[in-house]
Amino acid sequence: MKLKYTKQAPSNQTIVDIFQGLWLSAFPEEYNIVAGSIKHFDFSVEPRVKWGASVLSNGIKDFTVLELGPFEAYNTWQMERLSAKSVIAIESNNVNYLKCLIVKEITGIKARFLYGDFIPYLEQCPILFDIVWASGVLYHQVEPLKLLELIANVTSRVFIHTHYYVEDVIKKNRELSRIFIHQRDMTARYQRYQARLHYRSYDTDKSAPVFAGGAEDYSYWMEKDDIFGYLRYLGFDRITMGVDDARNLNGPAMFFMAEKTTV
């Protein structure tokens, strides 16, 4: 990151401009800031948090939340607006982590942002959370079954937004099909569950400051039936579908809530 000084008077805008041109999200109008263009903070544009709260009997009011990969902290901000008790959010991308701190400074949210990989955090986590928020992270994993197992160890509820693999759909999409390398597909086993994993190369410049993806040069996508099957194997016996978009241009995608009702 290049050292830079400003001669402008201190303001929220000067803070945001540290990463000028690198924001995807537009701040809520109440903050009067120019950043990105996508209204991620707006519940009507980014409905996942509101939907997730709606399928729970009392919403997320007074919930302890573990958020994996907060990106630009818009879901974090929304969860606090819906009265979550506390949010711990873990981000491994250094630029995104600093952007999360900027959002915290400007909006006054109380969330704790941690910089690091959430896999070793989950492996050593001694506490339980009311919900784990895993939006946009499962399909970036090289060991997606391991992530689901670690999540199951710390919560009885998980929200997941992810892409998933459908062979017929992927093959018909030229941009997608070229980044899936079938020779590197594999069958993975965790405990007694077995699933087919599909190798996906990022095939992009990972040094770009707005890169959104995992730490490795590849990830493995799961099939929908295996995502649900393994979650049920782990004890999540209630799965509520929010959106299932098999025609998504970036690959079939869905979001849903999974709960353990017999803990």
Protein backbone atom coordinates (compact mmCIF):
# COMPACT_ATOMS: atom_id res chain seq x y z
CA MET A 1 0.00 0.00 0.00
CA LYS A 2 1.51 3.32 -1.08
CA LEU A 3 2.10 5.97 1.59
CA LYS A 4 -0.15 8.96 0.98
CA TYR A 5 -0.83 12.25 2.77
CA THR A 6 -3.92 14.43 2.49
CA LYS A 7 -4.11 18.19 2.80
CA GLN A 8 -7.88 18.18 3.19
CA ALA A 9 -9.62 18.82 6.49
CA PRO A 10 -10.55 15.62 8.36
CA SER A 11 -13.91 14.19 7.35
CA ASN A 12 -15.65 10.91 6.72
CA GLN A 13 -15.05 11.44 3.03
CA THR A 14 -11.29 11.71 3.45
CA ILE A 15 -11.34 8.40 5.36
CA VAL A 16 -13.28 6.66 2.60
CA ASP A 17 -10.99 8.19 -0.03
CA ILE A 18 -8.02 6.27 1.36
CA PHE A 19 -9.42 3.50 -0.84
CA GLN A 20 -10.85 5.73 -3.55
CA GLY A 21 -11.93 3.68 -6.55
CA LEU A 22 -11.77 0.43 -4.60
CA TRP A 23 -15.21 0.47 -3.01
CA LEU A 24 -18.04 -1.56 -4.48
CA SER A 25 -20.63 -0.52 -1.90
CA ALA A 26 -22.44 2.79 -1.69
CA PHE A 27 -22.83 4.04 1.88
CA PRO A 28 -26.37 4.78 3.10
CA GLU A 29 -27.46 8.28 2.09
CA GLU A 30 -27.59 9.39 5.72
CA TYR A 31 -23.78 9.41 5.82
CA ASN A 32 -23.44 11.72 2.79
CA ILE A 33 -20.37 9.92 1.45
CA VAL A 34 -19.26 9.07 -2.08
CA ALA A 35 -17.84 5.54 -2.29
CA GLY A 36 -19.00 2.63 -4.50
CA SER A 37 -22.16 2.34 -6.59
CA ILE A 38 -23.89 -0.84 -5.36
CA LYS A 39 -26.42 -0.20 -2.60
CA HIS A 40 -25.33 -3.13 -0.43
CA PHE A 41 -26.39 -1.40 2.79
CA ASP A 42 -29.96 -0.95 1.53
CA PHE A 43 -32.28 -3.70 2.82
CA SER A 44 -34.35 -3.52 -0.37
CA VAL A 45 -31.30 -4.10 -2.58
CA GLU A 46 -29.37 -6.46 -0.27
CA PRO A 47 -32.21 -8.48 1.34
CA ARG A 48 -30.32 -11.45 2.77
CA VAL A 49 -30.01 -10.28 6.38
CA LYS A 50 -33.64 -9.17 6.54
CA TRP A 51 -34.75 -12.46 4.98
CA GLY A 52 -32.60 -14.48 7.36
CA ALA A 53 -34.08 -12.69 10.34
CA SER A 54 -37.61 -13.21 8.98
CA VAL A 55 -37.38 -17.02 9.02
CA LEU A 56 -36.32 -17.12 12.69
CA SER A 57 -39.02 -16.92 15.33
CA ASN A 58 -37.60 -13.82 17.01
CA GLY A 59 -35.36 -12.55 14.26
CA ILE A 60 -31.73 -12.00 15.21
CA LYS A 61 -32.55 -9.67 18.11
CA ASP A 62 -30.04 -10.25 20.92
CA PHE A 63 -28.18 -12.88 18.86
CA THR A 64 -24.44 -13.42 19.04
CA VAL A 65 -23.23 -13.61 15.44
CA LEU A 66 -20.07 -14.94 13.85
CA GLU A 67 -19.72 -13.48 10.35
CA LEU A 68 -17.29 -15.08 7.92
CA GLY A 69 -15.88 -12.77 5.26
CA PRO A 70 -17.66 -9.42 5.89
CA PHE A 71 -16.14 -7.83 2.73
CA GLU A 72 -17.26 -4.20 3.18
CA ALA A 73 -19.28 -4.73 6.38
CA TYR A 74 -22.69 -4.02 4.89
CA ASN A 75 -24.26 -7.20 6.29
CA THR A 76 -22.58 -6.41 9.61
CA TRP A 77 -24.20 -2.97 9.62
CA GLN A 78 -27.58 -4.48 8.74
CA MET A 79 -27.37 -7.07 11.53
CA GLU A 80 -26.76 -4.36 14.11
CA ARG A 81 -29.67 -2.39 12.69
CA LEU A 82 -31.80 -5.48 13.39
CA SER A 83 -30.58 -5.51 17.02
CA ALA A 84 -28.02 -8.32 17.00
CA LYS A 85 -26.41 -8.43 20.43
CA SER A 86 -22.87 -8.74 19.09
CA VAL A 87 -21.05 -9.51 15.85
CA ILE A 88 -17.56 -10.93 15.45
CA ALA A 89 -16.55 -10.65 11.79
CA ILE A 90 -13.42 -12.30 10.38
CA GLU A 91 -11.82 -11.01 7.17
CA SER A 92 -8.61 -12.37 5.58
CA ASN A 93 -8.24 -9.81 2.78
CA ASN A 94 -6.16 -6.93 4.16
CA VAL A 95 -7.80 -4.21 2.05
CA ASN A 96 -11.30 -5.43 2.86
CA TYR A 97 -10.40 -5.65 6.54
CA LEU A 98 -9.30 -2.00 6.58
CA LYS A 99 -12.46 -1.01 4.71
CA CYS A 100 -14.49 -2.77 7.43
CA LEU A 101 -12.69 -0.65 10.05
CA ILE A 102 -13.57 2.46 8.05
CA VAL A 103 -17.24 1.44 8.00
CA LYS A 104 -17.08 0.88 11.75
CA GLU A 105 -15.52 4.30 12.36
CA ILE A 106 -18.02 6.15 10.19
CA THR A 107 -21.23 4.35 11.15
CA GLY A 108 -20.47 3.67 14.81
CA ILE A 109 -21.32 -0.03 14.70
CA LYS A 110 -19.99 -2.04 17.65
CA ALA A 111 -18.89 -5.17 15.77
CA ARG A 112 -15.46 -6.65 16.41
CA PHE A 113 -13.49 -7.11 13.20
CA LEU A 114 -10.68 -9.66 13.24
CA TYR A 115 -7.98 -9.95 10.56
CA GLY A 116 -7.09 -13.51 9.69
CA ASP A 117 -8.26 -16.84 8.30
CA PHE A 118 -11.53 -18.05 9.81
CA ILE A 119 -10.61 -21.75 9.41
CA PRO A 120 -7.97 -21.83 12.19
CA TYR A 121 -10.22 -19.54 14.24
CA LEU A 122 -13.05 -22.05 14.00
CA GLU A 123 -10.69 -24.95 14.75
CA GLN A 124 -9.77 -23.34 18.07
CA CYS A 125 -13.04 -21.54 18.88
CA PRO A 126 -14.09 -22.21 22.50
CA ILE A 127 -17.48 -20.47 22.34
CA LEU A 128 -20.86 -21.04 20.74
CA PHE A 129 -22.72 -18.51 18.60
CA ASP A 130 -26.44 -18.08 18.09
CA ILE A 131 -25.81 -17.96 14.35
CA VAL A 132 -22.95 -18.16 11.86
CA TRP A 133 -23.29 -15.89 8.83
CA ALA A 134 -21.49 -17.50 5.87
CA SER A 135 -22.35 -15.36 2.88
CA GLY A 136 -20.16 -15.78 -0.19
CA VAL A 137 -17.50 -17.99 1.37
CA LEU A 138 -18.34 -21.68 0.87
CA TYR A 139 -17.56 -21.74 -2.86
CA HIS A 140 -14.17 -20.11 -2.23
CA GLN A 141 -12.95 -23.01 -0.07
CA VAL A 142 -10.48 -25.71 -1.03
CA GLU A 143 -12.04 -27.89 1.69
CA PRO A 144 -15.72 -26.90 1.76
CA LEU A 145 -16.79 -29.95 3.78
CA LYS A 146 -14.31 -29.02 6.48
CA LEU A 147 -15.77 -25.51 6.70
CA LEU A 148 -19.30 -26.86 7.13
CA GLU A 149 -18.14 -29.25 9.83
CA LEU A 150 -16.34 -26.47 11.72
CA ILE A 151 -19.42 -24.26 11.51
CA ALA A 152 -21.55 -27.08 12.91
CA ASN A 153 -19.26 -27.24 15.93
CA VAL A 154 -19.96 -23.65 17.02
CA THR A 155 -23.64 -23.03 16.23
CA SER A 156 -27.10 -24.50 15.78
CA ARG A 157 -27.97 -22.02 13.00
CA VAL A 158 -26.16 -21.01 9.84
CA PHE A 159 -27.06 -18.72 6.97
CA ILE A 160 -25.33 -19.68 3.74
CA HIS A 161 -25.17 -17.86 0.44
CA THR A 162 -23.18 -19.81 -2.13
CA HIS A 163 -22.71 -20.87 -5.70
CA TYR A 164 -23.01 -24.58 -6.43
CA TYR A 165 -22.12 -26.89 -9.29
CA VAL A 166 -24.61 -28.10 -11.92
CA GLU A 167 -22.85 -29.78 -14.84
CA ASP A 168 -25.42 -29.02 -17.55
CA VAL A 169 -25.63 -25.36 -16.56
CA ILE A 170 -21.87 -24.87 -16.29
CA LYS A 171 -21.17 -26.53 -19.65
CA LYS A 172 -23.58 -24.18 -21.44
CA ASN A 173 -21.83 -21.10 -20.04
CA ARG A 174 -18.58 -20.56 -21.96
CA GLU A 175 -17.08 -18.18 -19.39
CA LEU A 176 -17.80 -20.59 -16.57
CA SER A 177 -16.93 -23.85 -18.29
CA ARG A 178 -13.39 -22.70 -19.14
CA ILE A 179 -12.46 -22.23 -15.46
CA PHE A 180 -13.67 -25.63 -14.30
CA ILE A 181 -10.99 -28.32 -14.77
CA HIS A 182 -12.70 -31.69 -14.56
CA GLN A 183 -9.43 -33.62 -14.45
CA ARG A 184 -8.87 -32.08 -11.02
CA ASP A 185 -12.29 -32.90 -9.61
CA MET A 186 -12.15 -35.09 -6.55
CA THR A 187 -14.22 -37.10 -4.11
CA ALA A 188 -13.83 -35.89 -0.53
CA ARG A 189 -14.82 -37.64 2.65
CA TYR A 190 -15.41 -36.11 6.07
CA GLN A 191 -16.38 -38.47 8.83
CA ARG A 192 -18.58 -40.97 6.95
CA TYR A 193 -19.97 -38.54 4.39
CA GLN A 194 -18.65 -38.56 0.82
CA ALA A 195 -19.13 -35.77 -1.73
CA ARG A 196 -17.96 -34.93 -5.24
CA LEU A 197 -16.02 -31.65 -5.45
CA HIS A 198 -15.47 -29.64 -8.63
CA TYR A 199 -12.22 -27.80 -9.26
CA ARG A 200 -12.62 -24.14 -10.15
CA SER A 201 -9.61 -22.02 -11.18
CA TYR A 202 -9.77 -18.30 -10.44
CA ASP A 203 -7.95 -17.51 -13.70
CA THR A 204 -7.68 -13.85 -12.78
CA ASP A 205 -5.21 -11.33 -11.39
CA LYS A 206 -5.33 -11.99 -7.66
CA SER A 207 -3.12 -8.97 -6.99
CA ALA A 208 -5.98 -6.69 -8.01
CA PRO A 209 -7.13 -4.76 -4.92
CA VAL A 210 -10.81 -5.51 -5.55
CA PHE A 211 -10.30 -9.27 -6.03
CA ALA A 212 -13.11 -11.20 -4.35
CA GLY A 213 -12.12 -14.77 -3.74
CA GLY A 214 -10.16 -17.20 -1.63
CA ALA A 215 -6.50 -17.28 -0.66
CA GLU A 216 -5.56 -20.08 -3.08
CA ASP A 217 -5.53 -20.06 -6.88
CA TYR A 218 -8.50 -22.40 -6.97
CA SER A 219 -11.48 -23.58 -4.98
CA TYR A 220 -13.86 -26.52 -4.99
CA TRP A 221 -17.56 -26.12 -5.65
CA MET A 222 -20.06 -28.56 -4.17
CA GLU A 223 -23.28 -29.84 -5.69
CA LYS A 224 -26.52 -28.66 -4.08
CA ASP A 225 -27.62 -32.12 -2.93
CA ASP A 226 -24.30 -32.63 -1.17
CA ILE A 227 -24.45 -29.25 0.54
CA PHE A 228 -27.85 -30.12 1.97
CA GLY A 229 -26.95 -33.76 2.55
CA TYR A 230 -23.84 -32.97 4.55
CA LEU A 231 -25.59 -30.28 6.59
CA ARG A 232 -28.28 -32.81 7.50
CA TYR A 233 -25.56 -35.31 8.37
CA LEU A 234 -24.11 -32.67 10.72
CA GLY A 235 -27.47 -32.27 12.46
CA PHE A 236 -29.07 -29.36 10.61
CA ASP A 237 -32.48 -30.96 10.18
CA ARG A 238 -34.40 -27.83 9.10
CA ILE A 239 -33.37 -26.09 5.90
CA THR A 240 -35.34 -23.09 4.67
CA MET A 241 -34.61 -21.96 1.12
CA GLY A 242 -34.53 -18.24 0.39
CA VAL A 243 -33.52 -17.97 -3.25
CA ASP A 244 -32.36 -20.66 -5.67
CA ASP A 245 -31.13 -19.13 -8.93
CA ALA A 246 -29.84 -21.87 -11.23
CA ARG A 247 -29.50 -19.36 -14.10
CA ASN A 248 -27.17 -16.95 -12.28
CA LEU A 249 -24.54 -15.71 -14.76
CA ASN A 250 -21.76 -16.41 -12.26
CA GLY A 251 -22.98 -19.95 -11.71
CA PRO A 252 -26.00 -21.48 -9.97
CA ALA A 253 -26.49 -19.73 -6.64
CA MET A 254 -28.70 -19.96 -3.60
CA PHE A 255 -29.13 -18.72 -0.08
CA PHE A 256 -30.82 -20.53 2.78
CA MET A 257 -31.02 -20.96 6.54
CA ALA A 258 -30.06 -24.27 8.17
CA GLU A 259 -31.02 -25.03 11.78
CA LYS A 260 -30.60 -27.82 14.31
CA THR A 261 -34.00 -28.26 15.95
CA THR A 262 -33.12 -31.18 18.21
CA VAL A 263 -30.01 -29.88 20.01
